[in-house]
Amino acid sequence: MMFWYDHDPGAWGWVGMTVGMLLFWGLLISAVVLLVRAIGPGGPTTPTPPTSDPERLLAERFARGEIDEPEFQDRLATLRGTTRPGGR
């Protein structure tokens, strides 16, 4: 009779086991989800490059031949807030 409740975890034991199992399964499921995302169809996600600033876009258009040099200079001056000597 002395050790009647020796092997019973009691109320706090049940609470502890429940919380422990929830944490265990939560961590296990999170690890699987992260692993699947990392090796999924797209592979690891790479951050998208920041959008180009306006001057760089303008230079790229000029390099591709979409605009000529006077137009490039005019637009560049407009972006910088200055006027081009002899410009419009």
PDB file of N, CA and C in Angstrom:
ATOM      1  N   MET A   1       0.813  -1.181   0.000  1.00  0.00           N
ATOM      2  CA  MET A   1       0.000   0.000   0.000  1.00  0.00           C
ATOM      3  C   MET A   1       0.868   1.261   0.000  1.00  0.00           C
ATOM      4  N   MET A   2       2.046   1.129   0.439  1.00  0.00           N
ATOM      5  CA  MET A   2       2.916   2.276   0.552  1.00  0.00           C
ATOM      6  C   MET A   2       3.257   2.868  -0.816  1.00  0.00           C
ATOM      7  N   PHE A   3       3.438   2.013  -1.871  1.00  0.00           N
ATOM      8  CA  PHE A   3       3.819   2.496  -3.191  1.00  0.00           C
ATOM      9  C   PHE A   3       2.660   2.422  -4.174  1.00  0.00           C
ATOM     10  N   TRP A   4       1.448   2.642  -3.697  1.00  0.00           N
ATOM     11  CA  TRP A   4       0.267   2.503  -4.528  1.00  0.00           C
ATOM     12  C   TRP A   4       0.285   3.470  -5.718  1.00  0.00           C
ATOM     13  N   TYR A   5       0.726   4.725  -5.535  1.00  0.00           N
ATOM     14  CA  TYR A   5       0.726   5.738  -6.599  1.00  0.00           C
ATOM     15  C   TYR A   5       2.118   5.942  -7.190  1.00  0.00           C
ATOM     16  N   ASP A   6       3.017   5.021  -7.001  1.00  0.00           N
ATOM     17  CA  ASP A   6       4.403   5.183  -7.423  1.00  0.00           C
ATOM     18  C   ASP A   6       4.534   5.269  -8.939  1.00  0.00           C
ATOM     19  N   HIS A   7       3.759   4.492  -9.699  1.00  0.00           N
ATOM     20  CA  HIS A   7       3.935   4.456 -11.142  1.00  0.00           C
ATOM     21  C   HIS A   7       2.910   5.305 -11.892  1.00  0.00           C
ATOM     22  N   ASP A   8       2.087   6.029 -11.206  1.00  0.00           N
ATOM     23  CA  ASP A   8       1.102   6.903 -11.838  1.00  0.00           C
ATOM     24  C   ASP A   8       1.732   8.276 -12.039  1.00  0.00           C
ATOM     25  N   PRO A   9       1.756   8.788 -13.279  1.00  0.00           N
ATOM     26  CA  PRO A   9       2.406  10.077 -13.502  1.00  0.00           C
ATOM     27  C   PRO A   9       1.641  11.253 -12.900  1.00  0.00           C
ATOM     28  N   GLY A  10       0.405  11.114 -12.598  1.00  0.00           N
ATOM     29  CA  GLY A  10      -0.360  12.218 -12.037  1.00  0.00           C
ATOM     30  C   GLY A  10      -0.778  13.204 -13.111  1.00  0.00           C
ATOM     31  N   ALA A  11      -1.493  14.250 -12.709  1.00  0.00           N
ATOM     32  CA  ALA A  11      -2.027  15.228 -13.662  1.00  0.00           C
ATOM     33  C   ALA A  11      -0.914  15.988 -14.377  1.00  0.00           C
ATOM     34  N   TRP A  12       0.091  16.457 -13.635  1.00  0.00           N
ATOM     35  CA  TRP A  12       1.165  17.215 -14.264  1.00  0.00           C
ATOM     36  C   TRP A  12       2.005  16.341 -15.186  1.00  0.00           C
ATOM     37  N   GLY A  13       2.106  15.084 -14.885  1.00  0.00           N
ATOM     38  CA  GLY A  13       2.818  14.171 -15.764  1.00  0.00           C
ATOM     39  C   GLY A  13       2.121  14.020 -17.103  1.00  0.00           C
ATOM     40  N   TRP A  14       0.786  13.910 -17.060  1.00  0.00           N
ATOM     41  CA  TRP A  14       0.022  13.813 -18.299  1.00  0.00           C
ATOM     42  C   TRP A  14       0.123  15.108 -19.112  1.00  0.00           C
ATOM     43  N   VAL A  15       0.077  16.238 -18.433  1.00  0.00           N
ATOM     44  CA  VAL A  15       0.207  17.532 -19.129  1.00  0.00           C
ATOM     45  C   VAL A  15       1.585  17.630 -19.783  1.00  0.00           C
ATOM     46  N   GLY A  16       2.608  17.236 -19.034  1.00  0.00           N
ATOM     47  CA  GLY A  16       3.975  17.284 -19.568  1.00  0.00           C
ATOM     48  C   GLY A  16       4.146  16.383 -20.773  1.00  0.00           C
ATOM     49  N   MET A  17       3.606  15.170 -20.698  1.00  0.00           N
ATOM     50  CA  MET A  17       3.708  14.245 -21.831  1.00  0.00           C
ATOM     51  C   MET A  17       2.947  14.781 -23.042  1.00  0.00           C
ATOM     52  N   THR A  18       1.781  15.376 -22.824  1.00  0.00           N
ATOM     53  CA  THR A  18       0.984  15.909 -23.926  1.00  0.00           C
ATOM     54  C   THR A  18       1.721  17.059 -24.613  1.00  0.00           C
ATOM     55  N   VAL A  19       2.237  17.974 -23.819  1.00  0.00           N
ATOM     56  CA  VAL A  19       2.980  19.113 -24.386  1.00  0.00           C
ATOM     57  C   VAL A  19       4.225  18.614 -25.114  1.00  0.00           C
ATOM     58  N   GLY A  20       4.908  17.656 -24.516  1.00  0.00           N
ATOM     59  CA  GLY A  20       6.106  17.102 -25.153  1.00  0.00           C
ATOM     60  C   GLY A  20       5.804  16.448 -26.486  1.00  0.00           C
ATOM     61  N   MET A  21       4.725  15.691 -26.561  1.00  0.00           N
ATOM     62  CA  MET A  21       4.360  15.045 -27.822  1.00  0.00           C
ATOM     63  C   MET A  21       3.948  16.074 -28.873  1.00  0.00           C
ATOM     64  N   LEU A  22       3.213  17.103 -28.460  1.00  0.00           N
ATOM     65  CA  LEU A  22       2.825  18.149 -29.409  1.00  0.00           C
ATOM     66  C   LEU A  22       4.060  18.863 -29.968  1.00  0.00           C
ATOM     67  N   LEU A  23       5.003  19.164 -29.099  1.00  0.00           N
ATOM     68  CA  LEU A  23       6.242  19.805 -29.557  1.00  0.00           C
ATOM     69  C   LEU A  23       7.022  18.887 -30.491  1.00  0.00           C
ATOM     70  N   PHE A  24       7.120  17.613 -30.112  1.00  0.00           N
ATOM     71  CA  PHE A  24       7.848  16.651 -30.937  1.00  0.00           C
ATOM     72  C   PHE A  24       7.246  16.563 -32.337  1.00  0.00           C
ATOM     73  N   TRP A  25       5.934  16.351 -32.436  1.00  0.00           N
ATOM     74  CA  TRP A  25       5.298  16.221 -33.734  1.00  0.00           C
ATOM     75  C   TRP A  25       5.319  17.538 -34.507  1.00  0.00           C
ATOM     76  N   GLY A  26       5.181  18.653 -33.805  1.00  0.00           N
ATOM     77  CA  GLY A  26       5.247  19.953 -34.478  1.00  0.00           C
ATOM     78  C   GLY A  26       6.613  20.194 -35.100  1.00  0.00           C
ATOM     79  N   LEU A  27       7.671  19.885 -34.354  1.00  0.00           N
ATOM     80  CA  LEU A  27       9.020  20.049 -34.894  1.00  0.00           C
ATOM     81  C   LEU A  27       9.295  19.078 -36.033  1.00  0.00           C
ATOM     82  N   LEU A  28       8.831  17.851 -35.896  1.00  0.00           N
ATOM     83  CA  LEU A  28       9.040  16.860 -36.947  1.00  0.00           C
ATOM     84  C   LEU A  28       8.325  17.263 -38.234  1.00  0.00           C
ATOM     85  N   ILE A  29       7.083  17.693 -38.130  1.00  0.00           N
ATOM     86  CA  ILE A  29       6.328  18.117 -39.318  1.00  0.00           C
ATOM     87  C   ILE A  29       6.942  19.366 -39.935  1.00  0.00           C
ATOM     88  N   SER A  30       7.385  20.312 -39.102  1.00  0.00           N
ATOM     89  CA  SER A  30       8.032  21.527 -39.621  1.00  0.00           C
ATOM     90  C   SER A  30       9.315  21.184 -40.363  1.00  0.00           C
ATOM     91  N   ALA A  31      10.097  20.271 -39.835  1.00  0.00           N
ATOM     92  CA  ALA A  31      11.343  19.867 -40.492  1.00  0.00           C
ATOM     93  C   ALA A  31      11.058  19.229 -41.847  1.00  0.00           C
ATOM     94  N   VAL A  32      10.039  18.376 -41.909  1.00  0.00           N
ATOM     95  CA  VAL A  32       9.691  17.732 -43.180  1.00  0.00           C
ATOM     96  C   VAL A  32       9.221  18.765 -44.195  1.00  0.00           C
ATOM     97  N   VAL A  33       8.403  19.713 -43.771  1.00  0.00           N
ATOM     98  CA  VAL A  33       7.901  20.745 -44.687  1.00  0.00           C
ATOM     99  C   VAL A  33       9.055  21.593 -45.213  1.00  0.00           C
ATOM    100  N   LEU A  34       9.958  22.000 -44.346  1.00  0.00           N
ATOM    101  CA  LEU A  34      11.101  22.803 -44.786  1.00  0.00           C
ATOM    102  C   LEU A  34      12.005  22.019 -45.724  1.00  0.00           C
ATOM    103  N   LEU A  35      12.191  20.740 -45.458  1.00  0.00           N
ATOM    104  CA  LEU A  35      13.012  19.900 -46.320  1.00  0.00           C
ATOM    105  C   LEU A  35      12.372  19.747 -47.696  1.00  0.00           C
ATOM    106  N   VAL A  36      11.077  19.529 -47.735  1.00  0.00           N
ATOM    107  CA  VAL A  36      10.375  19.390 -49.015  1.00  0.00           C
ATOM    108  C   VAL A  36      10.444  20.691 -49.802  1.00  0.00           C
ATOM    109  N   ARG A  37      10.296  21.809 -49.130  1.00  0.00           N
ATOM    110  CA  ARG A  37      10.385  23.103 -49.830  1.00  0.00           C
ATOM    111  C   ARG A  37      11.784  23.335 -50.382  1.00  0.00           C
ATOM    112  N   ALA A  38      12.800  22.904 -49.640  1.00  0.00           N
ATOM    113  CA  ALA A  38      14.182  23.145 -50.069  1.00  0.00           C
ATOM    114  C   ALA A  38      14.550  22.291 -51.273  1.00  0.00           C
ATOM    115  N   ILE A  39      14.047  21.064 -51.351  1.00  0.00           N
ATOM    116  CA  ILE A  39      14.421  20.189 -52.456  1.00  0.00           C
ATOM    117  C   ILE A  39      13.270  19.943 -53.412  1.00  0.00           C
ATOM    118  N   GLY A  40      12.246  20.785 -53.338  1.00  0.00           N
ATOM    119  CA  GLY A  40      11.064  20.633 -54.180  1.00  0.00           C
ATOM    120  C   GLY A  40      11.356  20.929 -55.634  1.00  0.00           C
ATOM    121  N   PRO A  41      10.319  21.089 -56.441  1.00  0.00           N
ATOM    122  CA  PRO A  41      10.488  21.261 -57.877  1.00  0.00           C
ATOM    123  C   PRO A  41      11.306  22.482 -58.265  1.00  0.00           C
ATOM    124  N   GLY A  42      11.190  23.567 -57.528  1.00  0.00           N
ATOM    125  CA  GLY A  42      11.940  24.768 -57.869  1.00  0.00           C
ATOM    126  C   GLY A  42      13.321  24.810 -57.241  1.00  0.00           C
ATOM    127  N   GLY A  43      13.653  23.854 -56.409  1.00  0.00           N
ATOM    128  CA  GLY A  43      14.920  23.877 -55.698  1.00  0.00           C
ATOM    129  C   GLY A  43      14.872  24.942 -54.620  1.00  0.00           C
ATOM    130  N   PRO A  44      16.004  25.231 -54.036  1.00  0.00           N
ATOM    131  CA  PRO A  44      16.019  26.274 -53.008  1.00  0.00           C
ATOM    132  C   PRO A  44      15.607  27.604 -53.615  1.00  0.00           C
ATOM    133  N   THR A  45      14.800  28.335 -52.911  1.00  0.00           N
ATOM    134  CA  THR A  45      14.339  29.613 -53.442  1.00  0.00           C
ATOM    135  C   THR A  45      15.461  30.632 -53.349  1.00  0.00           C
ATOM    136  N   THR A  46      15.658  31.351 -54.429  1.00  0.00           N
ATOM    137  CA  THR A  46      16.675  32.391 -54.440  1.00  0.00           C
ATOM    138  C   THR A  46      15.969  33.736 -54.392  1.00  0.00           C
ATOM    139  N   PRO A  47      16.519  34.671 -53.667  1.00  0.00           N
ATOM    140  CA  PRO A  47      15.871  35.977 -53.607  1.00  0.00           C
ATOM    141  C   PRO A  47      15.916  36.647 -54.970  1.00  0.00           C
ATOM    142  N   THR A  48      14.854  37.333 -55.304  1.00  0.00           N
ATOM    143  CA  THR A  48      14.823  38.046 -56.575  1.00  0.00           C
ATOM    144  C   THR A  48      15.708  39.282 -56.479  1.00  0.00           C
ATOM    145  N   PRO A  49      16.414  39.579 -57.554  1.00  0.00           N
ATOM    146  CA  PRO A  49      17.281  40.751 -57.497  1.00  0.00           C
ATOM    147  C   PRO A  49      16.443  42.018 -57.366  1.00  0.00           C
ATOM    148  N   PRO A  50      16.978  43.009 -56.703  1.00  0.00           N
ATOM    149  CA  PRO A  50      16.222  44.251 -56.565  1.00  0.00           C
ATOM    150  C   PRO A  50      15.998  44.891 -57.930  1.00  0.00           C
ATOM    151  N   THR A  51      14.919  45.630 -58.025  1.00  0.00           N
ATOM    152  CA  THR A  51      14.640  46.284 -59.301  1.00  0.00           C
ATOM    153  C   THR A  51      15.717  47.313 -59.591  1.00  0.00           C
ATOM    154  N   SER A  52      16.010  47.462 -60.873  1.00  0.00           N
ATOM    155  CA  SER A  52      17.066  48.383 -61.278  1.00  0.00           C
ATOM    156  C   SER A  52      16.634  49.814 -61.063  1.00  0.00           C
ATOM    157  N   ASP A  53      17.611  50.629 -60.779  1.00  0.00           N
ATOM    158  CA  ASP A  53      17.287  52.041 -60.646  1.00  0.00           C
ATOM    159  C   ASP A  53      17.072  52.627 -62.043  1.00  0.00           C
ATOM    160  N   PRO A  54      16.417  53.758 -62.143  1.00  0.00           N
ATOM    161  CA  PRO A  54      16.054  54.313 -63.459  1.00  0.00           C
ATOM    162  C   PRO A  54      17.244  54.584 -64.375  1.00  0.00           C
ATOM    163  N   GLU A  55      18.363  55.048 -63.818  1.00  0.00           N
ATOM    164  CA  GLU A  55      19.522  55.337 -64.663  1.00  0.00           C
ATOM    165  C   GLU A  55      20.084  54.056 -65.267  1.00  0.00           C
ATOM    166  N   ARG A  56      20.078  52.996 -64.499  1.00  0.00           N
ATOM    167  CA  ARG A  56      20.587  51.725 -65.017  1.00  0.00           C
ATOM    168  C   ARG A  56      19.666  51.198 -66.112  1.00  0.00           C
ATOM    169  N   LEU A  57      18.355  51.307 -65.902  1.00  0.00           N
ATOM    170  CA  LEU A  57      17.411  50.880 -66.945  1.00  0.00           C
ATOM    171  C   LEU A  57      17.608  51.686 -68.223  1.00  0.00           C
ATOM    172  N   LEU A  58      17.824  52.969 -68.057  1.00  0.00           N
ATOM    173  CA  LEU A  58      18.039  53.827 -69.212  1.00  0.00           C
ATOM    174  C   LEU A  58      19.314  53.432 -69.949  1.00  0.00           C
ATOM    175  N   ALA A  59      20.372  53.147 -69.202  1.00  0.00           N
ATOM    176  CA  ALA A  59      21.629  52.724 -69.815  1.00  0.00           C
ATOM    177  C   ALA A  59      21.466  51.387 -70.534  1.00  0.00           C
ATOM    178  N   GLU A  60      20.675  50.484 -69.970  1.00  0.00           N
ATOM    179  CA  GLU A  60      20.440  49.199 -70.622  1.00  0.00           C
ATOM    180  C   GLU A  60      19.669  49.384 -71.931  1.00  0.00           C
ATOM    181  N   ARG A  61      18.689  50.271 -71.918  1.00  0.00           N
ATOM    182  CA  ARG A  61      17.934  50.546 -73.152  1.00  0.00           C
ATOM    183  C   ARG A  61      18.842  51.145 -74.213  1.00  0.00           C
ATOM    184  N   PHE A  62      19.745  52.022 -73.799  1.00  0.00           N
ATOM    185  CA  PHE A  62      20.690  52.637 -74.728  1.00  0.00           C
ATOM    186  C   PHE A  62      21.638  51.568 -75.285  1.00  0.00           C
ATOM    187  N   ALA A  63      22.105  50.676 -74.422  1.00  0.00           N
ATOM    188  CA  ALA A  63      23.024  49.626 -74.855  1.00  0.00           C
ATOM    189  C   ALA A  63      22.341  48.656 -75.830  1.00  0.00           C
ATOM    190  N   ARG A  64      21.062  48.415 -75.651  1.00  0.00           N
ATOM    191  CA  ARG A  64      20.331  47.519 -76.558  1.00  0.00           C
ATOM    192  C   ARG A  64      19.959  48.212 -77.872  1.00  0.00           C
ATOM    193  N   GLY A  65      20.150  49.511 -77.951  1.00  0.00           N
ATOM    194  CA  GLY A  65      19.834  50.243 -79.170  1.00  0.00           C
ATOM    195  C   GLY A  65      18.386  50.678 -79.263  1.00  0.00           C
ATOM    196  N   GLU A  66      17.658  50.626 -78.154  1.00  0.00           N
ATOM    197  CA  GLU A  66      16.252  51.026 -78.169  1.00  0.00           C
ATOM    198  C   GLU A  66      16.103  52.543 -78.277  1.00  0.00           C
ATOM    199  N   ILE A  67      17.080  53.267 -77.755  1.00  0.00           N
ATOM    200  CA  ILE A  67      17.059  54.733 -77.839  1.00  0.00           C
ATOM    201  C   ILE A  67      18.418  55.191 -78.340  1.00  0.00           C
ATOM    202  N   ASP A  68      18.450  56.376 -78.986  1.00  0.00           N
ATOM    203  CA  ASP A  68      19.720  56.892 -79.490  1.00  0.00           C
ATOM    204  C   ASP A  68      20.390  57.772 -78.432  1.00  0.00           C
ATOM    205  N   GLU A  69      21.603  58.251 -78.740  1.00  0.00           N
ATOM    206  CA  GLU A  69      22.382  58.991 -77.749  1.00  0.00           C
ATOM    207  C   GLU A  69      21.735  60.303 -77.313  1.00  0.00           C
ATOM    208  N   PRO A  70      21.211  61.121 -78.231  1.00  0.00           N
ATOM    209  CA  PRO A  70      20.573  62.362 -77.756  1.00  0.00           C
ATOM    210  C   PRO A  70      19.393  62.099 -76.819  1.00  0.00           C
ATOM    211  N   GLU A  71      18.585  61.095 -77.157  1.00  0.00           N
ATOM    212  CA  GLU A  71      17.453  60.777 -76.293  1.00  0.00           C
ATOM    213  C   GLU A  71      17.945  60.267 -74.931  1.00  0.00           C
ATOM    214  N   PHE A  72      19.010  59.441 -74.973  1.00  0.00           N
ATOM    215  CA  PHE A  72      19.597  58.951 -73.724  1.00  0.00           C
ATOM    216  C   PHE A  72      20.076  60.109 -72.855  1.00  0.00           C
ATOM    217  N   GLN A  73      20.799  61.049 -73.461  1.00  0.00           N
ATOM    218  CA  GLN A  73      21.326  62.189 -72.706  1.00  0.00           C
ATOM    219  C   GLN A  73      20.192  63.057 -72.151  1.00  0.00           C
ATOM    220  N   ASP A  74      19.162  63.282 -72.962  1.00  0.00           N
ATOM    221  CA  ASP A  74      18.021  64.093 -72.495  1.00  0.00           C
ATOM    222  C   ASP A  74      17.328  63.428 -71.305  1.00  0.00           C
ATOM    223  N   ARG A  75      17.056  62.140 -71.435  1.00  0.00           N
ATOM    224  CA  ARG A  75      16.362  61.440 -70.360  1.00  0.00           C
ATOM    225  C   ARG A  75      17.231  61.339 -69.105  1.00  0.00           C
ATOM    226  N   LEU A  76      18.537  61.160 -69.299  1.00  0.00           N
ATOM    227  CA  LEU A  76      19.445  61.095 -68.158  1.00  0.00           C
ATOM    228  C   LEU A  76      19.476  62.435 -67.426  1.00  0.00           C
ATOM    229  N   ALA A  77      19.492  63.514 -68.195  1.00  0.00           N
ATOM    230  CA  ALA A  77      19.476  64.844 -67.577  1.00  0.00           C
ATOM    231  C   ALA A  77      18.171  65.074 -66.830  1.00  0.00           C
ATOM    232  N   THR A  78      17.075  64.604 -67.392  1.00  0.00           N
ATOM    233  CA  THR A  78      15.778  64.740 -66.734  1.00  0.00           C
ATOM    234  C   THR A  78      15.766  63.961 -65.422  1.00  0.00           C
ATOM    235  N   LEU A  79      16.305  62.749 -65.453  1.00  0.00           N
ATOM    236  CA  LEU A  79      16.342  61.939 -64.227  1.00  0.00           C
ATOM    237  C   LEU A  79      17.188  62.593 -63.155  1.00  0.00           C
ATOM    238  N   ARG A  80      18.283  63.199 -63.553  1.00  0.00           N
ATOM    239  CA  ARG A  80      19.183  63.799 -62.579  1.00  0.00           C
ATOM    240  C   ARG A  80      18.735  65.205 -62.172  1.00  0.00           C
ATOM    241  N   GLY A  81      17.745  65.720 -62.869  1.00  0.00           N
ATOM    242  CA  GLY A  81      17.224  67.036 -62.521  1.00  0.00           C
ATOM    243  C   GLY A  81      18.096  68.173 -63.017  1.00  0.00           C
ATOM    244  N   THR A  82      18.874  67.909 -64.039  1.00  0.00           N
ATOM    245  CA  THR A  82      19.737  68.942 -64.617  1.00  0.00           C
ATOM    246  C   THR A  82      19.320  69.157 -66.067  1.00  0.00           C
ATOM    247  N   THR A  83      19.812  70.238 -66.656  1.00  0.00           N
ATOM    248  CA  THR A  83      19.548  70.490 -68.062  1.00  0.00           C
ATOM    249  C   THR A  83      20.817  70.242 -68.844  1.00  0.00           C
ATOM    250  N   ARG A  84      20.643  69.716 -70.016  1.00  0.00           N
ATOM    251  CA  ARG A  84      21.784  69.426 -70.861  1.00  0.00           C
ATOM    252  C   ARG A  84      22.170  70.677 -71.626  1.00  0.00           C
ATOM    253  N   PRO A  85      23.473  70.988 -71.702  1.00  0.00           N
ATOM    254  CA  PRO A  85      23.869  72.157 -72.485  1.00  0.00           C
ATOM    255  C   PRO A  85      23.525  71.949 -73.955  1.00  0.00           C
ATOM    256  N   GLY A  86      22.817  72.889 -74.516  1.00  0.00           N
ATOM    257  CA  GLY A  86      22.406  72.788 -75.909  1.00  0.00           C
ATOM    258  C   GLY A  86      21.243  71.823 -76.085  1.00  0.00           C
ATOM    259  N   GLY A  87      20.682  71.394 -74.985  1.00  0.00           N
ATOM    260  CA  GLY A  87      19.575  70.438 -75.062  1.00  0.00           C
ATOM    261  C   GLY A  87      18.257  71.146 -75.345  1.00  0.00           C
ATOM    262  N   ARG A  88      17.202  70.388 -75.347  1.00  0.00           N
ATOM    263  CA  ARG A  88      15.886  70.940 -75.667  1.00  0.00           C
ATOM    264  C   ARG A  88      15.389  71.834 -74.597  1.00  0.00           C
TER     265      ARG A  88
END
